[in-house]
N, C-alpha and C. Protein backbone atom coordinates (compact mmCIF):
# COMPACT_ATOMS: atom_id res chain seq x y z
N MET A 1 158.97 -98.18 60.47
CA MET A 1 157.76 -97.38 60.62
C MET A 1 157.94 -96.00 60.01
N LYS A 2 159.06 -95.36 60.24
CA LYS A 2 159.28 -94.01 59.73
C LYS A 2 159.27 -94.00 58.21
N ARG A 3 159.81 -95.03 57.59
CA ARG A 3 159.85 -95.06 56.13
C ARG A 3 158.44 -95.13 55.54
N THR A 4 157.50 -95.73 56.28
CA THR A 4 156.14 -95.82 55.76
C THR A 4 155.34 -94.55 56.07
N LEU A 5 155.66 -93.85 57.14
CA LEU A 5 154.93 -92.64 57.51
C LEU A 5 155.26 -91.47 56.59
N ILE A 6 156.47 -91.38 56.15
CA ILE A 6 156.89 -90.22 55.36
C ILE A 6 156.09 -90.09 54.08
N PRO A 7 155.95 -91.14 53.25
CA PRO A 7 155.14 -90.98 52.04
C PRO A 7 153.67 -90.72 52.34
N VAL A 8 153.14 -91.27 53.43
CA VAL A 8 151.74 -91.02 53.78
C VAL A 8 151.53 -89.55 54.10
N LEU A 9 152.44 -88.97 54.88
CA LEU A 9 152.34 -87.54 55.21
C LEU A 9 152.47 -86.68 53.97
N ALA A 10 153.36 -87.11 53.07
CA ALA A 10 153.53 -86.34 51.84
C ALA A 10 152.26 -86.35 51.01
N ILE A 11 151.63 -87.52 50.93
CA ILE A 11 150.38 -87.63 50.15
C ILE A 11 149.29 -86.77 50.78
N LEU A 12 149.19 -86.81 52.12
CA LEU A 12 148.18 -86.00 52.79
C LEU A 12 148.40 -84.52 52.55
N THR A 13 149.67 -84.11 52.57
CA THR A 13 149.99 -82.70 52.31
C THR A 13 149.56 -82.29 50.92
N LEU A 14 149.84 -83.16 49.92
CA LEU A 14 149.45 -82.85 48.54
C LEU A 14 147.94 -82.76 48.41
N LEU A 15 147.24 -83.67 49.06
CA LEU A 15 145.77 -83.65 48.99
C LEU A 15 145.20 -82.38 49.60
N LEU A 16 145.73 -81.97 50.75
CA LEU A 16 145.26 -80.74 51.38
C LEU A 16 145.55 -79.52 50.53
N THR A 17 146.73 -79.50 49.91
CA THR A 17 147.08 -78.38 49.03
C THR A 17 146.16 -78.32 47.85
N PHE A 18 145.87 -79.46 47.24
CA PHE A 18 144.99 -79.52 46.07
C PHE A 18 143.58 -79.06 46.44
N THR A 19 143.11 -79.50 47.64
CA THR A 19 141.77 -79.12 48.07
C THR A 19 141.66 -77.63 48.30
N SER A 20 142.68 -77.02 48.93
CA SER A 20 142.65 -75.59 49.19
C SER A 20 142.68 -74.80 47.91
N CYS A 21 143.37 -75.30 46.90
CA CYS A 21 143.41 -74.60 45.62
C CYS A 21 142.04 -74.59 44.95
N ARG A 22 141.28 -75.65 45.13
CA ARG A 22 139.96 -75.75 44.53
C ARG A 22 138.98 -74.78 45.15
N GLN A 23 139.26 -74.23 46.33
CA GLN A 23 138.34 -73.34 47.00
C GLN A 23 138.56 -71.89 46.63
N ASP A 24 139.55 -71.58 45.79
CA ASP A 24 139.78 -70.20 45.38
C ASP A 24 138.59 -69.71 44.59
N GLY A 25 138.27 -68.39 44.68
CA GLY A 25 137.17 -67.82 43.92
C GLY A 25 135.87 -67.99 44.68
N PRO A 26 134.71 -67.81 43.97
CA PRO A 26 133.42 -67.91 44.64
C PRO A 26 133.20 -69.28 45.26
N ALA A 27 132.49 -69.28 46.39
CA ALA A 27 132.21 -70.55 47.07
C ALA A 27 131.31 -71.41 46.21
N PRO A 28 131.55 -72.72 46.16
CA PRO A 28 130.65 -73.59 45.41
C PRO A 28 129.24 -73.50 45.94
N ILE A 29 128.27 -73.65 45.05
CA ILE A 29 126.89 -73.47 45.44
C ILE A 29 126.44 -74.49 46.48
N ARG A 30 127.11 -75.65 46.54
CA ARG A 30 126.70 -76.65 47.52
C ARG A 30 126.91 -76.17 48.94
N ASN A 31 127.76 -75.13 49.14
CA ASN A 31 128.01 -74.61 50.47
C ASN A 31 126.96 -73.61 50.92
N ILE A 32 126.07 -73.22 50.00
CA ILE A 32 125.04 -72.26 50.34
C ILE A 32 123.85 -72.99 50.94
N LYS A 33 123.40 -72.55 52.09
CA LYS A 33 122.26 -73.19 52.74
C LYS A 33 120.99 -72.74 52.02
N ALA A 34 120.46 -73.59 51.19
CA ALA A 34 119.27 -73.26 50.41
C ALA A 34 118.48 -74.52 50.17
N GLY A 35 117.26 -74.34 49.68
CA GLY A 35 116.40 -75.49 49.43
C GLY A 35 116.89 -76.32 48.27
N PRO A 36 116.41 -77.57 48.16
CA PRO A 36 116.84 -78.47 47.09
C PRO A 36 116.48 -77.95 45.70
N ASN A 37 115.37 -77.24 45.57
CA ASN A 37 114.99 -76.71 44.25
C ASN A 37 115.99 -75.66 43.78
N LEU A 38 116.49 -74.87 44.73
CA LEU A 38 117.49 -73.85 44.38
C LEU A 38 118.78 -74.50 43.91
N LEU A 39 119.18 -75.57 44.57
CA LEU A 39 120.40 -76.27 44.20
C LEU A 39 120.26 -76.94 42.84
N LYS A 40 119.09 -77.47 42.55
CA LYS A 40 118.87 -78.14 41.26
C LYS A 40 118.96 -77.16 40.10
N ALA A 41 118.65 -75.89 40.36
CA ALA A 41 118.56 -74.91 39.28
C ALA A 41 119.91 -74.57 38.68
N GLN A 42 121.01 -75.06 39.29
CA GLN A 42 122.32 -74.72 38.77
C GLN A 42 122.75 -75.64 37.62
N ALA A 43 122.10 -76.76 37.43
CA ALA A 43 122.65 -77.80 36.57
C ALA A 43 122.16 -77.69 35.14
N GLY A 44 123.05 -77.27 34.25
CA GLY A 44 122.91 -77.45 32.82
C GLY A 44 121.74 -76.81 32.12
N GLN A 45 121.05 -75.87 32.73
CA GLN A 45 119.92 -75.24 32.08
C GLN A 45 120.33 -73.89 31.51
N PRO A 46 119.89 -73.55 30.29
CA PRO A 46 120.23 -72.24 29.73
C PRO A 46 119.54 -71.13 30.51
N PHE A 47 120.16 -69.97 30.56
CA PHE A 47 119.58 -68.83 31.25
C PHE A 47 118.55 -68.15 30.35
N THR A 48 117.50 -67.62 30.96
CA THR A 48 116.46 -66.93 30.22
C THR A 48 116.88 -65.49 29.92
N ASN A 49 116.71 -65.07 28.68
CA ASN A 49 116.93 -63.68 28.29
C ASN A 49 115.58 -62.96 28.26
N TYR A 50 115.46 -61.90 29.02
CA TYR A 50 114.18 -61.19 29.15
C TYR A 50 114.16 -59.95 28.26
N THR A 51 112.96 -59.60 27.83
CA THR A 51 112.75 -58.41 27.00
C THR A 51 111.48 -57.70 27.46
N TYR A 52 111.33 -56.47 26.99
CA TYR A 52 110.07 -55.75 27.19
C TYR A 52 109.87 -54.83 25.98
N PHE A 53 108.69 -54.24 25.89
CA PHE A 53 108.36 -53.38 24.76
C PHE A 53 108.22 -51.94 25.23
N THR A 54 108.82 -51.03 24.46
CA THR A 54 108.55 -49.62 24.63
C THR A 54 107.96 -49.14 23.32
N GLY A 55 106.67 -48.86 23.32
CA GLY A 55 105.97 -48.67 22.06
C GLY A 55 105.91 -50.01 21.34
N GLN A 56 106.35 -50.01 20.10
CA GLN A 56 106.41 -51.26 19.33
C GLN A 56 107.82 -51.82 19.25
N ASN A 57 108.74 -51.19 19.93
CA ASN A 57 110.14 -51.62 19.90
C ASN A 57 110.43 -52.54 21.07
N GLN A 58 111.00 -53.69 20.75
CA GLN A 58 111.38 -54.65 21.77
C GLN A 58 112.79 -54.38 22.25
N LYS A 59 112.96 -54.30 23.57
CA LYS A 59 114.27 -54.02 24.15
C LYS A 59 114.71 -55.18 25.03
N ALA A 60 115.99 -55.47 24.98
CA ALA A 60 116.55 -56.60 25.74
C ALA A 60 116.96 -56.17 27.14
N LEU A 61 116.67 -57.02 28.09
CA LEU A 61 117.13 -56.83 29.46
C LEU A 61 118.23 -57.84 29.82
N GLY A 62 118.26 -58.97 29.13
CA GLY A 62 119.26 -59.99 29.39
C GLY A 62 118.83 -60.92 30.51
N ASN A 63 119.83 -61.54 31.17
CA ASN A 63 119.56 -62.45 32.28
C ASN A 63 119.31 -61.68 33.56
N VAL A 64 118.63 -62.29 34.51
CA VAL A 64 118.39 -61.63 35.78
C VAL A 64 119.73 -61.43 36.50
N TYR A 65 119.82 -60.32 37.21
CA TYR A 65 121.01 -59.97 37.99
C TYR A 65 121.10 -60.91 39.18
N THR A 66 122.30 -61.32 39.52
CA THR A 66 122.47 -62.37 40.53
C THR A 66 122.85 -61.86 41.92
N LYS A 67 122.94 -60.56 42.10
CA LYS A 67 123.40 -60.02 43.39
C LYS A 67 122.27 -59.47 44.26
N ASP A 68 121.17 -59.03 43.63
CA ASP A 68 120.10 -58.38 44.37
C ASP A 68 118.74 -58.73 43.79
N VAL A 69 117.70 -58.63 44.62
CA VAL A 69 116.32 -58.74 44.18
C VAL A 69 115.50 -57.67 44.90
N LEU A 70 114.27 -57.46 44.42
CA LEU A 70 113.34 -56.54 45.07
C LEU A 70 112.26 -57.33 45.80
N VAL A 71 111.92 -56.87 47.00
CA VAL A 71 110.93 -57.55 47.82
C VAL A 71 110.07 -56.51 48.52
N SER A 72 108.76 -56.78 48.63
CA SER A 72 107.90 -56.01 49.53
C SER A 72 107.21 -56.97 50.49
N PHE A 73 106.89 -56.46 51.66
CA PHE A 73 106.29 -57.28 52.70
C PHE A 73 104.81 -56.95 52.87
N VAL A 74 104.06 -57.89 53.41
CA VAL A 74 102.66 -57.62 53.71
C VAL A 74 102.58 -56.55 54.80
N GLY A 75 101.46 -55.88 54.87
CA GLY A 75 101.31 -54.82 55.86
C GLY A 75 101.25 -55.36 57.28
N GLY A 76 101.64 -54.51 58.23
CA GLY A 76 101.53 -54.86 59.64
C GLY A 76 102.75 -55.49 60.26
N LEU A 77 103.78 -55.78 59.46
CA LEU A 77 105.00 -56.38 60.02
C LEU A 77 105.92 -55.30 60.57
N THR A 78 106.57 -55.59 61.67
CA THR A 78 107.61 -54.69 62.17
C THR A 78 108.90 -54.91 61.38
N ALA A 79 109.84 -53.99 61.53
CA ALA A 79 111.13 -54.13 60.85
C ALA A 79 111.83 -55.42 61.29
N ASP A 80 111.71 -55.76 62.55
CA ASP A 80 112.33 -57.00 63.05
C ASP A 80 111.67 -58.23 62.44
N GLN A 81 110.36 -58.20 62.28
CA GLN A 81 109.67 -59.33 61.66
C GLN A 81 110.03 -59.47 60.18
N GLU A 82 110.20 -58.35 59.50
CA GLU A 82 110.63 -58.40 58.11
C GLU A 82 112.02 -59.02 58.01
N GLN A 83 112.92 -58.57 58.89
CA GLN A 83 114.27 -59.10 58.87
C GLN A 83 114.29 -60.59 59.20
N PHE A 84 113.47 -60.99 60.16
CA PHE A 84 113.41 -62.41 60.54
C PHE A 84 112.91 -63.25 59.36
N THR A 85 111.95 -62.73 58.62
CA THR A 85 111.43 -63.44 57.44
C THR A 85 112.56 -63.74 56.47
N LEU A 86 113.41 -62.76 56.23
CA LEU A 86 114.50 -62.94 55.28
C LEU A 86 115.58 -63.87 55.80
N THR A 87 115.80 -63.87 57.11
CA THR A 87 116.87 -64.72 57.65
C THR A 87 116.56 -66.21 57.52
N GLN A 88 115.32 -66.55 57.19
CA GLN A 88 114.97 -67.95 57.00
C GLN A 88 115.54 -68.52 55.69
N TYR A 89 116.02 -67.64 54.83
CA TYR A 89 116.51 -68.05 53.52
C TYR A 89 118.03 -67.92 53.47
N GLY A 90 118.69 -69.05 53.26
CA GLY A 90 120.15 -69.06 53.26
C GLY A 90 120.76 -68.32 52.09
N PHE A 91 119.96 -68.02 51.04
CA PHE A 91 120.51 -67.29 49.89
C PHE A 91 120.45 -65.78 50.07
N VAL A 92 119.87 -65.31 51.17
CA VAL A 92 119.78 -63.87 51.44
C VAL A 92 120.95 -63.45 52.32
N LYS A 93 121.62 -62.37 51.90
CA LYS A 93 122.73 -61.83 52.70
C LYS A 93 122.27 -60.67 53.57
N ASN A 94 121.52 -59.72 52.99
CA ASN A 94 121.22 -58.51 53.74
C ASN A 94 120.08 -57.74 53.07
N LYS A 95 119.33 -57.00 53.87
CA LYS A 95 118.32 -56.07 53.35
C LYS A 95 118.93 -54.68 53.34
N THR A 96 118.94 -54.02 52.18
CA THR A 96 119.64 -52.73 52.08
C THR A 96 118.65 -51.59 51.90
N GLU A 97 118.72 -50.86 50.79
CA GLU A 97 117.93 -49.65 50.63
C GLU A 97 116.45 -49.93 50.37
N GLN A 98 115.62 -48.89 50.60
CA GLN A 98 114.19 -48.98 50.38
C GLN A 98 113.79 -48.05 49.25
N VAL A 99 112.79 -48.48 48.49
CA VAL A 99 112.25 -47.67 47.40
C VAL A 99 110.74 -47.68 47.50
N ALA A 100 110.12 -46.50 47.57
CA ALA A 100 108.67 -46.42 47.69
C ALA A 100 108.02 -46.26 46.32
N THR A 101 106.98 -47.07 46.07
CA THR A 101 106.14 -46.87 44.90
C THR A 101 104.81 -46.30 45.38
N ASP A 102 103.83 -46.17 44.50
CA ASP A 102 102.55 -45.60 44.90
C ASP A 102 101.82 -46.46 45.93
N VAL A 103 102.07 -47.75 45.91
CA VAL A 103 101.28 -48.64 46.77
C VAL A 103 102.13 -49.56 47.66
N ALA A 104 103.42 -49.46 47.61
CA ALA A 104 104.24 -50.39 48.41
C ALA A 104 105.61 -49.80 48.69
N LEU A 105 106.22 -50.32 49.73
CA LEU A 105 107.61 -50.01 50.04
C LEU A 105 108.44 -51.23 49.64
N LEU A 106 109.27 -51.07 48.62
CA LEU A 106 110.09 -52.17 48.14
C LEU A 106 111.46 -52.12 48.79
N HIS A 107 112.01 -53.28 49.05
CA HIS A 107 113.33 -53.40 49.67
C HIS A 107 114.29 -54.06 48.70
N ARG A 108 115.44 -53.46 48.56
CA ARG A 108 116.51 -54.10 47.80
C ARG A 108 117.19 -55.11 48.72
N VAL A 109 117.17 -56.38 48.32
CA VAL A 109 117.71 -57.46 49.14
C VAL A 109 118.95 -58.02 48.48
N GLU A 110 120.04 -58.00 49.20
CA GLU A 110 121.31 -58.52 48.68
C GLU A 110 121.38 -60.03 48.86
N LEU A 111 121.83 -60.72 47.82
CA LEU A 111 121.94 -62.17 47.85
C LEU A 111 123.38 -62.61 48.10
N VAL A 112 123.54 -63.85 48.51
CA VAL A 112 124.88 -64.39 48.75
C VAL A 112 125.61 -64.56 47.42
N ASP A 113 126.91 -64.61 47.48
CA ASP A 113 127.73 -64.84 46.29
C ASP A 113 127.57 -66.29 45.81
N GLY A 114 127.79 -66.49 44.52
CA GLY A 114 127.83 -67.84 43.98
C GLY A 114 126.57 -68.31 43.29
N LEU A 115 125.51 -67.49 43.29
CA LEU A 115 124.28 -67.89 42.62
C LEU A 115 124.36 -67.59 41.13
N ASN A 116 123.67 -68.39 40.32
CA ASN A 116 123.54 -68.06 38.91
C ASN A 116 122.12 -67.55 38.65
N SER A 117 121.83 -67.15 37.41
CA SER A 117 120.54 -66.54 37.10
C SER A 117 119.38 -67.49 37.35
N ASN A 118 119.55 -68.76 37.01
CA ASN A 118 118.48 -69.72 37.25
C ASN A 118 118.19 -69.89 38.73
N GLN A 119 119.23 -69.87 39.53
CA GLN A 119 119.04 -70.00 40.97
C GLN A 119 118.35 -68.78 41.55
N VAL A 120 118.65 -67.61 41.02
CA VAL A 120 117.97 -66.39 41.48
C VAL A 120 116.48 -66.46 41.13
N GLU A 121 116.16 -66.96 39.94
CA GLU A 121 114.75 -67.11 39.58
C GLU A 121 114.04 -68.07 40.52
N GLN A 122 114.72 -69.16 40.89
CA GLN A 122 114.13 -70.10 41.85
C GLN A 122 114.01 -69.45 43.22
N ALA A 123 115.01 -68.66 43.60
CA ALA A 123 114.95 -67.95 44.88
C ALA A 123 113.76 -67.00 44.91
N LEU A 124 113.49 -66.32 43.80
CA LEU A 124 112.35 -65.41 43.73
C LEU A 124 111.04 -66.17 43.90
N GLN A 125 110.95 -67.37 43.34
CA GLN A 125 109.75 -68.17 43.52
C GLN A 125 109.55 -68.55 44.98
N GLU A 126 110.65 -68.88 45.65
CA GLU A 126 110.55 -69.25 47.06
C GLU A 126 110.15 -68.05 47.91
N LEU A 127 110.71 -66.88 47.61
CA LEU A 127 110.33 -65.67 48.34
C LEU A 127 108.86 -65.32 48.09
N ALA A 128 108.43 -65.44 46.84
CA ALA A 128 107.06 -65.08 46.48
C ALA A 128 106.03 -65.99 47.17
N SER A 129 106.43 -67.20 47.54
CA SER A 129 105.51 -68.13 48.19
C SER A 129 105.43 -67.90 49.70
N ASP A 130 106.25 -67.00 50.23
CA ASP A 130 106.24 -66.73 51.66
C ASP A 130 105.02 -65.86 52.01
N PRO A 131 104.22 -66.25 53.00
CA PRO A 131 103.03 -65.47 53.35
C PRO A 131 103.32 -64.07 53.87
N ASN A 132 104.55 -63.81 54.31
CA ASN A 132 104.92 -62.48 54.79
C ASN A 132 105.43 -61.56 53.68
N ILE A 133 105.59 -62.10 52.48
CA ILE A 133 106.12 -61.32 51.36
C ILE A 133 105.01 -61.13 50.33
N SER A 134 104.76 -59.89 49.94
CA SER A 134 103.67 -59.59 49.01
C SER A 134 104.14 -59.48 47.57
N TYR A 135 105.44 -59.33 47.35
CA TYR A 135 105.94 -59.18 45.98
C TYR A 135 107.44 -59.45 45.97
N ALA A 136 107.90 -60.12 44.91
CA ALA A 136 109.33 -60.38 44.73
C ALA A 136 109.64 -60.34 43.24
N ALA A 137 110.69 -59.63 42.87
CA ALA A 137 111.00 -59.46 41.45
C ALA A 137 112.49 -59.22 41.27
N PRO A 138 113.00 -59.41 40.05
CA PRO A 138 114.45 -59.32 39.82
C PRO A 138 114.93 -57.92 39.48
N TYR A 139 116.23 -57.82 39.49
CA TYR A 139 116.96 -56.70 38.89
C TYR A 139 117.61 -57.18 37.60
N PHE A 140 117.93 -56.23 36.73
CA PHE A 140 118.74 -56.47 35.55
C PHE A 140 119.84 -55.42 35.50
N ARG A 141 120.97 -55.78 34.92
CA ARG A 141 122.06 -54.81 34.80
C ARG A 141 122.03 -54.14 33.44
N ASP A 142 122.23 -52.82 33.44
CA ASP A 142 122.33 -52.04 32.22
C ASP A 142 123.50 -51.08 32.37
N GLY A 143 124.69 -51.53 31.95
CA GLY A 143 125.89 -50.71 32.13
C GLY A 143 126.19 -50.53 33.60
N ASN A 144 126.23 -49.27 34.05
CA ASN A 144 126.51 -48.97 35.45
C ASN A 144 125.24 -48.86 36.28
N SER A 145 124.11 -49.18 35.70
CA SER A 145 122.84 -49.06 36.40
C SER A 145 122.21 -50.43 36.63
N LEU A 146 121.39 -50.50 37.66
CA LEU A 146 120.57 -51.67 37.91
C LEU A 146 119.11 -51.29 37.66
N ILE A 147 118.41 -52.14 36.93
CA ILE A 147 117.01 -51.89 36.61
C ILE A 147 116.17 -52.89 37.38
N GLY A 148 115.40 -52.40 38.34
CA GLY A 148 114.55 -53.26 39.14
C GLY A 148 113.12 -53.26 38.63
N VAL A 149 112.48 -54.40 38.68
CA VAL A 149 111.10 -54.53 38.23
C VAL A 149 110.18 -54.24 39.42
N SER A 150 109.62 -53.04 39.46
CA SER A 150 108.73 -52.67 40.55
C SER A 150 107.42 -53.44 40.44
N ASN A 151 106.49 -53.12 41.30
CA ASN A 151 105.18 -53.81 41.28
C ASN A 151 104.14 -53.03 40.48
N GLN A 152 104.59 -52.10 39.62
CA GLN A 152 103.67 -51.25 38.88
C GLN A 152 103.91 -51.31 37.38
N VAL A 153 102.85 -51.12 36.61
CA VAL A 153 102.90 -51.09 35.15
C VAL A 153 102.18 -49.82 34.67
N ILE A 154 102.76 -49.14 33.70
CA ILE A 154 102.16 -47.96 33.11
C ILE A 154 101.57 -48.34 31.76
N VAL A 155 100.27 -48.10 31.60
CA VAL A 155 99.54 -48.55 30.41
C VAL A 155 98.90 -47.35 29.71
N THR A 156 99.09 -47.27 28.41
CA THR A 156 98.42 -46.27 27.58
C THR A 156 97.36 -46.97 26.74
N LEU A 157 96.13 -46.46 26.81
CA LEU A 157 95.03 -47.07 26.06
C LEU A 157 95.01 -46.55 24.63
N ASP A 158 94.53 -47.40 23.76
CA ASP A 158 94.45 -47.06 22.34
C ASP A 158 93.23 -46.19 22.04
N ASN A 159 92.14 -46.47 22.72
CA ASN A 159 90.90 -45.74 22.43
C ASN A 159 90.17 -45.27 23.68
N GLY A 160 90.83 -45.33 24.82
CA GLY A 160 90.23 -44.85 26.06
C GLY A 160 89.23 -45.78 26.68
N ASP A 161 89.14 -47.01 26.20
CA ASP A 161 88.16 -47.97 26.73
C ASP A 161 88.68 -48.59 28.02
N THR A 162 88.27 -48.05 29.15
CA THR A 162 88.76 -48.55 30.44
C THR A 162 88.18 -49.91 30.80
N GLU A 163 87.02 -50.26 30.22
CA GLU A 163 86.43 -51.56 30.51
C GLU A 163 87.33 -52.70 30.04
N VAL A 164 87.95 -52.50 28.87
CA VAL A 164 88.91 -53.50 28.37
C VAL A 164 90.07 -53.64 29.34
N LEU A 165 90.58 -52.51 29.81
CA LEU A 165 91.71 -52.54 30.74
C LEU A 165 91.33 -53.22 32.05
N GLN A 166 90.16 -52.90 32.56
CA GLN A 166 89.71 -53.51 33.81
C GLN A 166 89.59 -55.03 33.67
N GLN A 167 89.10 -55.49 32.52
CA GLN A 167 88.95 -56.93 32.31
C GLN A 167 90.30 -57.62 32.19
N LEU A 168 91.23 -56.99 31.47
CA LEU A 168 92.57 -57.56 31.34
C LEU A 168 93.25 -57.65 32.71
N ALA A 169 93.08 -56.61 33.51
CA ALA A 169 93.66 -56.61 34.85
C ALA A 169 93.03 -57.71 35.71
N LYS A 170 91.72 -57.85 35.61
CA LYS A 170 91.03 -58.89 36.38
C LYS A 170 91.50 -60.28 35.99
N ASP A 171 91.67 -60.50 34.69
CA ASP A 171 92.12 -61.81 34.21
C ASP A 171 93.52 -62.15 34.72
N TYR A 172 94.31 -61.12 35.02
CA TYR A 172 95.70 -61.32 35.44
C TYR A 172 95.86 -61.22 36.96
N ASN A 173 94.74 -60.99 37.66
CA ASN A 173 94.77 -60.73 39.11
C ASN A 173 95.62 -59.50 39.44
N ALA A 174 95.51 -58.51 38.59
CA ALA A 174 96.16 -57.21 38.81
C ALA A 174 95.10 -56.18 39.17
N GLU A 175 95.53 -54.97 39.45
CA GLU A 175 94.60 -53.93 39.87
C GLU A 175 94.91 -52.62 39.16
N VAL A 176 93.86 -51.97 38.65
CA VAL A 176 94.00 -50.64 38.07
C VAL A 176 93.97 -49.64 39.22
N LEU A 177 95.06 -48.89 39.39
CA LEU A 177 95.15 -47.98 40.53
C LEU A 177 94.52 -46.62 40.24
N LYS A 178 94.97 -45.98 39.16
CA LYS A 178 94.50 -44.62 38.89
C LYS A 178 94.94 -44.17 37.51
N SER A 179 94.33 -43.09 37.05
CA SER A 179 94.76 -42.44 35.82
C SER A 179 95.88 -41.46 36.15
N ILE A 180 96.93 -41.46 35.34
CA ILE A 180 98.04 -40.53 35.56
C ILE A 180 98.23 -39.60 34.35
N GLY A 181 97.24 -39.56 33.48
CA GLY A 181 97.27 -38.73 32.29
C GLY A 181 96.14 -39.14 31.37
N GLU A 182 95.99 -38.43 30.29
CA GLU A 182 94.90 -38.74 29.37
C GLU A 182 95.14 -40.10 28.72
N GLY A 183 94.28 -41.06 29.04
CA GLY A 183 94.39 -42.40 28.50
C GLY A 183 95.54 -43.21 29.05
N ILE A 184 96.18 -42.73 30.14
CA ILE A 184 97.33 -43.42 30.73
C ILE A 184 96.97 -43.84 32.15
N TYR A 185 97.24 -45.10 32.48
CA TYR A 185 96.84 -45.65 33.77
C TYR A 185 97.99 -46.38 34.45
N LEU A 186 97.93 -46.35 35.77
CA LEU A 186 98.90 -47.05 36.59
C LEU A 186 98.23 -48.29 37.17
N LEU A 187 98.85 -49.45 36.97
CA LEU A 187 98.33 -50.71 37.48
C LEU A 187 99.36 -51.34 38.41
N LYS A 188 98.91 -52.21 39.28
CA LYS A 188 99.83 -52.89 40.19
C LYS A 188 99.58 -54.40 40.19
N VAL A 189 100.66 -55.12 40.47
CA VAL A 189 100.60 -56.56 40.64
C VAL A 189 101.19 -56.92 42.00
N ASP A 190 100.93 -58.14 42.43
CA ASP A 190 101.56 -58.67 43.63
C ASP A 190 101.70 -60.18 43.46
N ASN A 191 101.98 -60.88 44.54
CA ASN A 191 102.21 -62.32 44.43
C ASN A 191 100.96 -63.11 44.07
N ALA A 192 99.79 -62.49 44.20
CA ALA A 192 98.56 -63.15 43.79
C ALA A 192 98.34 -63.05 42.28
N SER A 193 99.08 -62.16 41.62
CA SER A 193 98.96 -61.99 40.17
C SER A 193 99.63 -63.16 39.45
N LYS A 194 99.39 -63.25 38.15
CA LYS A 194 99.94 -64.36 37.38
C LYS A 194 101.42 -64.18 37.05
N GLY A 195 101.96 -63.00 37.30
CA GLY A 195 103.37 -62.74 37.06
C GLY A 195 103.74 -61.39 37.61
N ASN A 196 105.03 -61.05 37.55
CA ASN A 196 105.47 -59.75 38.03
C ASN A 196 105.14 -58.67 37.00
N ALA A 197 105.58 -57.45 37.26
CA ALA A 197 105.20 -56.32 36.40
C ALA A 197 105.77 -56.46 34.99
N LEU A 198 106.94 -57.06 34.87
CA LEU A 198 107.53 -57.27 33.54
C LEU A 198 106.68 -58.25 32.74
N ALA A 199 106.31 -59.35 33.36
CA ALA A 199 105.48 -60.35 32.69
C ALA A 199 104.10 -59.78 32.34
N PHE A 200 103.55 -58.97 33.23
CA PHE A 200 102.24 -58.38 32.98
C PHE A 200 102.28 -57.39 31.82
N ALA A 201 103.32 -56.56 31.78
CA ALA A 201 103.46 -55.61 30.67
C ALA A 201 103.58 -56.34 29.33
N ASN A 202 104.34 -57.41 29.31
CA ASN A 202 104.48 -58.19 28.08
C ASN A 202 103.17 -58.88 27.71
N TYR A 203 102.41 -59.28 28.71
CA TYR A 203 101.09 -59.87 28.47
C TYR A 203 100.14 -58.84 27.82
N LEU A 204 100.21 -57.60 28.28
CA LEU A 204 99.33 -56.56 27.77
C LEU A 204 99.71 -56.11 26.36
N HIS A 205 100.99 -56.24 26.01
CA HIS A 205 101.45 -55.79 24.70
C HIS A 205 100.70 -56.54 23.59
N GLY A 206 100.15 -55.78 22.68
CA GLY A 206 99.44 -56.39 21.55
C GLY A 206 97.98 -56.72 21.83
N GLN A 207 97.54 -56.55 23.07
CA GLN A 207 96.14 -56.80 23.37
C GLN A 207 95.27 -55.70 22.76
N LYS A 208 94.07 -56.05 22.36
CA LYS A 208 93.15 -55.10 21.76
C LYS A 208 92.86 -53.96 22.74
N GLY A 209 92.99 -52.73 22.27
CA GLY A 209 92.72 -51.56 23.09
C GLY A 209 93.92 -51.03 23.84
N ILE A 210 95.07 -51.75 23.80
CA ILE A 210 96.27 -51.32 24.52
C ILE A 210 97.28 -50.76 23.52
N ALA A 211 97.62 -49.49 23.68
CA ALA A 211 98.61 -48.87 22.80
C ALA A 211 100.03 -49.15 23.28
N GLN A 212 100.22 -49.16 24.59
CA GLN A 212 101.56 -49.35 25.15
C GLN A 212 101.45 -49.82 26.59
N ALA A 213 102.37 -50.68 27.00
CA ALA A 213 102.43 -51.15 28.39
C ALA A 213 103.89 -51.38 28.76
N GLU A 214 104.35 -50.71 29.80
CA GLU A 214 105.74 -50.84 30.25
C GLU A 214 105.80 -51.00 31.75
N PRO A 215 106.72 -51.81 32.24
CA PRO A 215 106.95 -51.84 33.69
C PRO A 215 107.45 -50.49 34.18
N ASP A 216 107.05 -50.14 35.37
CA ASP A 216 107.55 -48.92 36.02
C ASP A 216 108.87 -49.28 36.70
N PHE A 217 109.94 -49.23 35.92
CA PHE A 217 111.24 -49.70 36.41
C PHE A 217 111.79 -48.78 37.50
N ILE A 218 112.58 -49.39 38.38
CA ILE A 218 113.35 -48.66 39.39
C ILE A 218 114.81 -48.70 38.96
N VAL A 219 115.37 -47.56 38.65
CA VAL A 219 116.74 -47.49 38.16
C VAL A 219 117.66 -46.99 39.26
N THR A 220 118.70 -47.76 39.54
CA THR A 220 119.65 -47.45 40.62
C THR A 220 121.07 -47.49 40.06
N LEU A 221 121.87 -46.48 40.38
CA LEU A 221 123.28 -46.51 40.00
C LEU A 221 124.01 -47.50 40.87
N ASP A 222 124.78 -48.38 40.25
CA ASP A 222 125.49 -49.42 40.99
C ASP A 222 126.91 -48.97 41.26
C-alpha cells in the first residue's frame, strides 16, 4: 500500500504546485463576478482606438482605461442608495472622488483588476442601462494624466445659427444648456442620448453650421 501511495502524493503535490503558479499575476477574468456579456467581451476582439477633433485636427485617445470609469446618478438618491447601486456590479471595486459639472455630479468609480478595454466598454453599457444611473463614460490615459469624458460638449458655431444647433441636439437626444461666449455653447448628454459626450462631439464634427465641437474633458493627475 505504501508503495502505491507515495507516487500518488507526489503527483498531487506537483499538480497543486503547478496550479498555484498559474495564479500569479492578475486574477483570471472568470473569477470576477460579472454578467455573461462582460465575460464574452474578453475573447479575441480587437480593442477600439478612440479619437476626437480639436478644430480640424484629429487627436488620438487610444483604448479606454481599464481601472476607472465616470458615473452620475439620477437625482433624489442618498449616498447609501448610490453605493448600493454600484455594489450590484461585481466589476466595481469602489466609488472614489467626485467631480461637478454644470449639470451633474460625476463620480470616479474604480473597477476590479483584470478587465480589458472591451470588458470595460461592456461594463459601461451595463451601468448605463441601470435606472439609477444617468450617465456612464470612460477614462483614457495620457501620460501621467487621466482624461475622463464628462457629460458636456463645447460647441462653436460657424455662423451663429442656433436653430441648426438645436435641431442637431434634438436629433441626438442632447440638450443645449447655455451660451458661454460669442457663438460658443455648452451642451449636455445623458443615458437617453445616442452616445456619450465623445461620440456626440464626433457626430457634430463636420456638420453644417458647426465650426468646432469638443468634449468637456475632466483631466485628473494619476
